[in-house]
Amino acid sequence: MAMIDVSQVNALAQKLAAAPLKKHALVAAAVKKGAQNIKEAIQEDVRSSSNPGFRRIPIHYDMKSEGVRIEADIGPEEGGAGSLANIAFFGTSRGGGGHEFYGHGADELDPTAQHVAKAAEGL
């Protein structure tokens, strides 16, 4: 499992504690855009699968905001074709796992962090 260092994002979140509401909304929009980009990248990846079940895996994200913390939880929907996500992304003892999950998040981390930093300028 790949670990992503989000210490810079957490440090920025602390600075946001003093941000006006407009800055908070701009940061939330930047996080939402990053989540949407990750969702679309994962969807594109699974839709390219040779396995018809994997192509139907639904991906979604939920935005969460608590105080100055803004985050997006991105993943497959539970049940139905979403139940195949574990096999598509991580495989089994018999193989599988040829689709990216964490890699798409890692690819989007820097651009999203830059957009968040720009939205929070002047703090």
N, C-alpha and C. Protein backbone atom coordinates (compact mmCIF):
# COMPACT_ATOMS: atom_id res chain seq x y z
N MET A 1 0.84 -1.16 0.00
CA MET A 1 0.00 0.00 0.00
C MET A 1 0.89 1.23 0.00
N ALA A 2 0.62 2.18 -0.84
CA ALA A 2 1.39 3.41 -0.93
C ALA A 2 0.89 4.41 0.11
N MET A 3 1.82 5.05 0.76
CA MET A 3 1.47 6.07 1.74
C MET A 3 1.77 7.43 1.13
N ILE A 4 0.89 8.37 1.34
CA ILE A 4 1.06 9.71 0.79
C ILE A 4 1.28 10.67 1.95
N ASP A 5 2.35 11.45 1.90
CA ASP A 5 2.66 12.42 2.95
C ASP A 5 1.80 13.65 2.74
N VAL A 6 0.94 13.92 3.68
CA VAL A 6 0.06 15.08 3.60
C VAL A 6 0.38 16.11 4.68
N SER A 7 1.59 16.07 5.21
CA SER A 7 1.97 16.98 6.29
C SER A 7 1.88 18.44 5.85
N GLN A 8 2.24 18.73 4.61
CA GLN A 8 2.15 20.11 4.13
C GLN A 8 0.70 20.56 4.04
N VAL A 9 -0.17 19.65 3.62
CA VAL A 9 -1.59 19.98 3.54
C VAL A 9 -2.14 20.22 4.95
N ASN A 10 -1.72 19.40 5.91
CA ASN A 10 -2.17 19.59 7.30
C ASN A 10 -1.65 20.91 7.88
N ALA A 11 -0.40 21.27 7.55
CA ALA A 11 0.15 22.55 8.02
C ALA A 11 -0.64 23.71 7.44
N LEU A 12 -1.02 23.59 6.19
CA LEU A 12 -1.82 24.63 5.55
C LEU A 12 -3.20 24.70 6.20
N ALA A 13 -3.75 23.57 6.56
CA ALA A 13 -5.06 23.55 7.22
C ALA A 13 -5.02 24.34 8.52
N GLN A 14 -3.92 24.26 9.23
CA GLN A 14 -3.79 25.04 10.46
C GLN A 14 -3.81 26.54 10.18
N LYS A 15 -3.18 26.94 9.07
CA LYS A 15 -3.19 28.35 8.70
C LYS A 15 -4.60 28.81 8.33
N LEU A 16 -5.38 27.88 7.79
CA LEU A 16 -6.73 28.24 7.37
C LEU A 16 -7.65 28.59 8.53
N ALA A 17 -7.23 28.26 9.74
CA ALA A 17 -8.06 28.56 10.91
C ALA A 17 -8.40 30.04 10.99
N ALA A 18 -7.51 30.89 10.49
CA ALA A 18 -7.73 32.33 10.52
C ALA A 18 -8.30 32.87 9.22
N ALA A 19 -8.58 32.00 8.28
CA ALA A 19 -9.01 32.44 6.94
C ALA A 19 -10.46 32.92 6.96
N PRO A 20 -10.75 33.92 6.17
CA PRO A 20 -12.14 34.34 6.01
C PRO A 20 -12.94 33.28 5.26
N LEU A 21 -14.22 33.38 5.36
CA LEU A 21 -15.12 32.40 4.76
C LEU A 21 -14.87 32.24 3.26
N LYS A 22 -14.57 33.32 2.56
CA LYS A 22 -14.33 33.24 1.12
C LYS A 22 -13.13 32.36 0.82
N LYS A 23 -12.06 32.51 1.58
CA LYS A 23 -10.88 31.68 1.38
C LYS A 23 -11.22 30.22 1.63
N HIS A 24 -12.01 29.97 2.67
CA HIS A 24 -12.43 28.60 3.00
C HIS A 24 -13.19 27.99 1.81
N ALA A 25 -14.08 28.77 1.21
CA ALA A 25 -14.86 28.28 0.06
C ALA A 25 -13.95 28.01 -1.14
N LEU A 26 -12.95 28.85 -1.37
CA LEU A 26 -12.02 28.65 -2.48
C LEU A 26 -11.18 27.39 -2.27
N VAL A 27 -10.75 27.17 -1.03
CA VAL A 27 -9.98 25.97 -0.72
C VAL A 27 -10.85 24.73 -0.91
N ALA A 28 -12.09 24.79 -0.44
CA ALA A 28 -13.01 23.65 -0.61
C ALA A 28 -13.21 23.34 -2.09
N ALA A 29 -13.32 24.38 -2.91
CA ALA A 29 -13.49 24.17 -4.35
C ALA A 29 -12.24 23.52 -4.95
N ALA A 30 -11.06 23.89 -4.48
CA ALA A 30 -9.82 23.29 -4.99
C ALA A 30 -9.74 21.82 -4.61
N VAL A 31 -10.12 21.49 -3.38
CA VAL A 31 -10.12 20.09 -2.94
C VAL A 31 -11.14 19.29 -3.75
N LYS A 32 -12.31 19.89 -3.97
CA LYS A 32 -13.36 19.20 -4.74
C LYS A 32 -12.89 18.94 -6.17
N LYS A 33 -12.23 19.90 -6.78
CA LYS A 33 -11.72 19.72 -8.14
C LYS A 33 -10.68 18.60 -8.18
N GLY A 34 -9.80 18.56 -7.19
CA GLY A 34 -8.82 17.47 -7.11
C GLY A 34 -9.50 16.12 -6.97
N ALA A 35 -10.53 16.05 -6.13
CA ALA A 35 -11.27 14.79 -5.94
C ALA A 35 -11.95 14.37 -7.24
N GLN A 36 -12.52 15.33 -7.95
CA GLN A 36 -13.17 15.02 -9.23
C GLN A 36 -12.15 14.50 -10.24
N ASN A 37 -10.97 15.10 -10.27
CA ASN A 37 -9.93 14.65 -11.20
C ASN A 37 -9.49 13.22 -10.87
N ILE A 38 -9.34 12.92 -9.58
CA ILE A 38 -8.96 11.56 -9.18
C ILE A 38 -10.05 10.58 -9.55
N LYS A 39 -11.30 10.93 -9.26
CA LYS A 39 -12.44 10.07 -9.60
C LYS A 39 -12.44 9.77 -11.10
N GLU A 40 -12.28 10.79 -11.92
CA GLU A 40 -12.30 10.59 -13.37
C GLU A 40 -11.13 9.74 -13.85
N ALA A 41 -9.96 9.91 -13.24
CA ALA A 41 -8.79 9.10 -13.62
C ALA A 41 -9.02 7.63 -13.27
N ILE A 42 -9.58 7.37 -12.10
CA ILE A 42 -9.86 5.99 -11.70
C ILE A 42 -10.92 5.39 -12.62
N GLN A 43 -11.96 6.15 -12.92
CA GLN A 43 -13.01 5.66 -13.82
C GLN A 43 -12.44 5.34 -15.20
N GLU A 44 -11.61 6.21 -15.71
CA GLU A 44 -10.99 5.97 -17.01
C GLU A 44 -10.15 4.70 -16.98
N ASP A 45 -9.43 4.50 -15.89
CA ASP A 45 -8.59 3.31 -15.73
C ASP A 45 -9.44 2.04 -15.75
N VAL A 46 -10.48 1.97 -14.93
CA VAL A 46 -11.27 0.74 -14.88
C VAL A 46 -12.09 0.54 -16.15
N ARG A 47 -12.47 1.61 -16.81
CA ARG A 47 -13.23 1.47 -18.07
C ARG A 47 -12.37 0.93 -19.20
N SER A 48 -11.04 0.98 -19.02
CA SER A 48 -10.14 0.43 -20.04
C SER A 48 -9.88 -1.05 -19.81
N SER A 49 -10.49 -1.62 -18.79
CA SER A 49 -10.25 -3.02 -18.44
C SER A 49 -10.79 -3.98 -19.48
N SER A 50 -10.14 -5.13 -19.60
CA SER A 50 -10.64 -6.20 -20.47
C SER A 50 -11.75 -6.98 -19.76
N ASN A 51 -11.90 -6.77 -18.46
CA ASN A 51 -12.93 -7.44 -17.67
C ASN A 51 -14.19 -6.57 -17.67
N PRO A 52 -15.31 -7.07 -18.23
CA PRO A 52 -16.52 -6.25 -18.30
C PRO A 52 -17.07 -5.86 -16.93
N GLY A 53 -16.86 -6.69 -15.91
CA GLY A 53 -17.31 -6.35 -14.57
C GLY A 53 -16.54 -5.16 -14.01
N PHE A 54 -15.24 -5.14 -14.24
CA PHE A 54 -14.41 -4.04 -13.75
C PHE A 54 -14.81 -2.72 -14.41
N ARG A 55 -15.20 -2.77 -15.67
CA ARG A 55 -15.57 -1.55 -16.39
C ARG A 55 -16.80 -0.88 -15.78
N ARG A 56 -17.58 -1.63 -15.02
CA ARG A 56 -18.81 -1.09 -14.44
C ARG A 56 -18.62 -0.62 -12.98
N ILE A 57 -17.41 -0.67 -12.45
CA ILE A 57 -17.20 -0.28 -11.06
C ILE A 57 -17.48 1.21 -10.90
N PRO A 58 -18.48 1.57 -10.09
CA PRO A 58 -18.79 2.99 -9.89
C PRO A 58 -17.86 3.61 -8.85
N ILE A 59 -17.34 4.77 -9.16
CA ILE A 59 -16.44 5.50 -8.27
C ILE A 59 -17.14 6.80 -7.85
N HIS A 60 -17.03 7.15 -6.60
CA HIS A 60 -17.63 8.40 -6.12
C HIS A 60 -16.70 9.05 -5.10
N TYR A 61 -17.05 10.26 -4.70
CA TYR A 61 -16.32 10.90 -3.61
C TYR A 61 -17.32 11.65 -2.74
N ASP A 62 -16.98 11.74 -1.47
CA ASP A 62 -17.77 12.50 -0.50
C ASP A 62 -16.89 13.60 0.06
N MET A 63 -17.38 14.81 0.05
CA MET A 63 -16.67 15.94 0.64
C MET A 63 -17.03 16.01 2.12
N LYS A 64 -16.02 16.29 2.93
CA LYS A 64 -16.21 16.45 4.37
C LYS A 64 -15.53 17.73 4.81
N SER A 65 -16.19 18.45 5.69
CA SER A 65 -15.61 19.67 6.22
C SER A 65 -15.90 19.71 7.71
N GLU A 66 -14.83 19.86 8.48
CA GLU A 66 -14.96 19.95 9.93
C GLU A 66 -14.01 21.03 10.41
N GLY A 67 -14.56 22.13 10.84
CA GLY A 67 -13.71 23.26 11.22
C GLY A 67 -12.96 23.76 10.00
N VAL A 68 -11.64 23.77 10.09
CA VAL A 68 -10.83 24.22 8.95
C VAL A 68 -10.39 23.07 8.07
N ARG A 69 -10.71 21.86 8.47
CA ARG A 69 -10.29 20.67 7.71
C ARG A 69 -11.31 20.41 6.60
N ILE A 70 -10.79 20.28 5.39
CA ILE A 70 -11.61 19.96 4.22
C ILE A 70 -10.99 18.74 3.58
N GLU A 71 -11.78 17.71 3.37
CA GLU A 71 -11.23 16.50 2.76
C GLU A 71 -12.26 15.84 1.87
N ALA A 72 -11.75 14.99 1.01
CA ALA A 72 -12.59 14.21 0.11
C ALA A 72 -12.26 12.74 0.30
N ASP A 73 -13.28 11.94 0.45
CA ASP A 73 -13.13 10.49 0.58
C ASP A 73 -13.52 9.90 -0.78
N ILE A 74 -12.57 9.31 -1.47
CA ILE A 74 -12.78 8.82 -2.84
C ILE A 74 -12.69 7.30 -2.84
N GLY A 75 -13.65 6.66 -3.49
CA GLY A 75 -13.59 5.20 -3.56
C GLY A 75 -14.74 4.62 -4.34
N PRO A 76 -14.74 3.31 -4.47
CA PRO A 76 -15.83 2.64 -5.19
C PRO A 76 -17.10 2.61 -4.33
N GLU A 77 -18.22 2.62 -4.98
CA GLU A 77 -19.48 2.46 -4.27
C GLU A 77 -19.60 1.02 -3.81
N GLU A 78 -20.23 0.82 -2.67
CA GLU A 78 -20.38 -0.51 -2.11
C GLU A 78 -21.49 -1.27 -2.83
N GLY A 79 -21.31 -2.57 -2.94
CA GLY A 79 -22.31 -3.43 -3.54
C GLY A 79 -22.25 -3.43 -5.06
N GLY A 80 -22.94 -4.36 -5.65
CA GLY A 80 -22.99 -4.47 -7.11
C GLY A 80 -21.59 -4.60 -7.69
N ALA A 81 -21.37 -3.91 -8.81
CA ALA A 81 -20.06 -3.95 -9.46
C ALA A 81 -18.97 -3.37 -8.57
N GLY A 82 -19.34 -2.51 -7.63
CA GLY A 82 -18.36 -1.94 -6.71
C GLY A 82 -17.67 -3.00 -5.86
N SER A 83 -18.32 -4.14 -5.69
CA SER A 83 -17.73 -5.23 -4.91
C SER A 83 -16.51 -5.83 -5.60
N LEU A 84 -16.34 -5.56 -6.89
CA LEU A 84 -15.19 -6.07 -7.64
C LEU A 84 -13.96 -5.17 -7.50
N ALA A 85 -14.12 -4.02 -6.87
CA ALA A 85 -13.03 -3.04 -6.80
C ALA A 85 -11.79 -3.62 -6.13
N ASN A 86 -11.95 -4.35 -5.05
CA ASN A 86 -10.79 -4.89 -4.35
C ASN A 86 -9.96 -5.78 -5.29
N ILE A 87 -10.63 -6.58 -6.09
CA ILE A 87 -9.93 -7.45 -7.03
C ILE A 87 -9.28 -6.62 -8.14
N ALA A 88 -10.01 -5.64 -8.65
CA ALA A 88 -9.49 -4.82 -9.75
C ALA A 88 -8.24 -4.04 -9.34
N PHE A 89 -8.24 -3.50 -8.13
CA PHE A 89 -7.14 -2.66 -7.69
C PHE A 89 -6.02 -3.42 -7.00
N PHE A 90 -6.36 -4.43 -6.20
CA PHE A 90 -5.35 -5.08 -5.37
C PHE A 90 -5.12 -6.54 -5.71
N GLY A 91 -6.03 -7.16 -6.45
CA GLY A 91 -5.87 -8.53 -6.87
C GLY A 91 -6.17 -9.54 -5.77
N THR A 92 -5.94 -10.79 -6.11
CA THR A 92 -6.12 -11.89 -5.18
C THR A 92 -4.87 -12.77 -5.26
N SER A 93 -4.90 -13.88 -4.55
CA SER A 93 -3.76 -14.80 -4.62
C SER A 93 -3.63 -15.41 -6.00
N ARG A 94 -4.67 -15.29 -6.80
CA ARG A 94 -4.64 -15.85 -8.17
C ARG A 94 -4.37 -14.79 -9.23
N GLY A 95 -4.06 -13.60 -8.80
CA GLY A 95 -3.75 -12.55 -9.78
C GLY A 95 -4.73 -11.40 -9.69
N GLY A 96 -4.78 -10.62 -10.75
CA GLY A 96 -5.61 -9.42 -10.78
C GLY A 96 -4.83 -8.23 -10.26
N GLY A 97 -5.54 -7.19 -9.97
CA GLY A 97 -4.91 -6.01 -9.41
C GLY A 97 -4.16 -5.16 -10.39
N GLY A 98 -4.54 -5.20 -11.64
CA GLY A 98 -3.81 -4.44 -12.66
C GLY A 98 -4.24 -3.00 -12.81
N HIS A 99 -5.16 -2.54 -11.98
CA HIS A 99 -5.66 -1.17 -12.11
C HIS A 99 -5.16 -0.31 -10.96
N GLU A 100 -4.87 0.93 -11.26
CA GLU A 100 -4.35 1.88 -10.27
C GLU A 100 -5.47 2.39 -9.38
N PHE A 101 -5.15 2.61 -8.15
CA PHE A 101 -6.07 3.30 -7.24
C PHE A 101 -5.31 4.44 -6.57
N TYR A 102 -4.33 4.09 -5.75
CA TYR A 102 -3.55 5.11 -5.04
C TYR A 102 -2.71 5.95 -5.98
N GLY A 103 -2.28 5.38 -7.08
CA GLY A 103 -1.44 6.11 -8.03
C GLY A 103 -2.12 7.34 -8.59
N HIS A 104 -3.42 7.25 -8.83
CA HIS A 104 -4.15 8.41 -9.36
C HIS A 104 -4.22 9.52 -8.32
N GLY A 105 -4.34 9.14 -7.06
CA GLY A 105 -4.33 10.14 -5.99
C GLY A 105 -2.97 10.80 -5.86
N ALA A 106 -1.92 9.99 -5.96
CA ALA A 106 -0.56 10.53 -5.87
C ALA A 106 -0.28 11.48 -7.02
N ASP A 107 -0.78 11.15 -8.22
CA ASP A 107 -0.58 12.01 -9.39
C ASP A 107 -1.25 13.37 -9.22
N GLU A 108 -2.36 13.40 -8.52
CA GLU A 108 -3.14 14.63 -8.37
C GLU A 108 -2.75 15.43 -7.13
N LEU A 109 -1.96 14.86 -6.24
CA LEU A 109 -1.63 15.53 -4.98
C LEU A 109 -0.96 16.87 -5.18
N ASP A 110 0.11 16.93 -5.97
CA ASP A 110 0.83 18.19 -6.17
C ASP A 110 -0.04 19.26 -6.84
N PRO A 111 -0.73 18.94 -7.96
CA PRO A 111 -1.57 19.98 -8.56
C PRO A 111 -2.66 20.49 -7.60
N THR A 112 -3.25 19.59 -6.83
CA THR A 112 -4.29 20.01 -5.88
C THR A 112 -3.68 20.87 -4.78
N ALA A 113 -2.53 20.47 -4.27
CA ALA A 113 -1.86 21.27 -3.23
C ALA A 113 -1.52 22.66 -3.75
N GLN A 114 -1.11 22.77 -5.00
CA GLN A 114 -0.82 24.08 -5.58
C GLN A 114 -2.08 24.93 -5.67
N HIS A 115 -3.19 24.33 -6.08
CA HIS A 115 -4.45 25.08 -6.17
C HIS A 115 -4.95 25.49 -4.78
N VAL A 116 -4.77 24.62 -3.79
CA VAL A 116 -5.15 24.96 -2.42
C VAL A 116 -4.28 26.11 -1.91
N ALA A 117 -3.00 26.04 -2.16
CA ALA A 117 -2.09 27.10 -1.72
C ALA A 117 -2.45 28.43 -2.37
N LYS A 118 -2.78 28.40 -3.65
CA LYS A 118 -3.17 29.63 -4.34
C LYS A 118 -4.47 30.19 -3.76
N ALA A 119 -5.42 29.30 -3.48
CA ALA A 119 -6.69 29.74 -2.90
C ALA A 119 -6.49 30.35 -1.52
N ALA A 120 -5.48 29.89 -0.80
CA ALA A 120 -5.23 30.35 0.56
C ALA A 120 -4.20 31.48 0.64
N GLU A 121 -3.77 32.00 -0.51
CA GLU A 121 -2.75 33.05 -0.52
C GLU A 121 -3.15 34.21 0.38
N GLY A 122 -2.17 34.78 1.02
CA GLY A 122 -2.40 35.96 1.84
C GLY A 122 -2.73 35.65 3.29
N LEU A 123 -2.68 34.39 3.66
CA LEU A 123 -2.96 34.06 5.06
C LEU A 123 -1.74 34.32 5.91
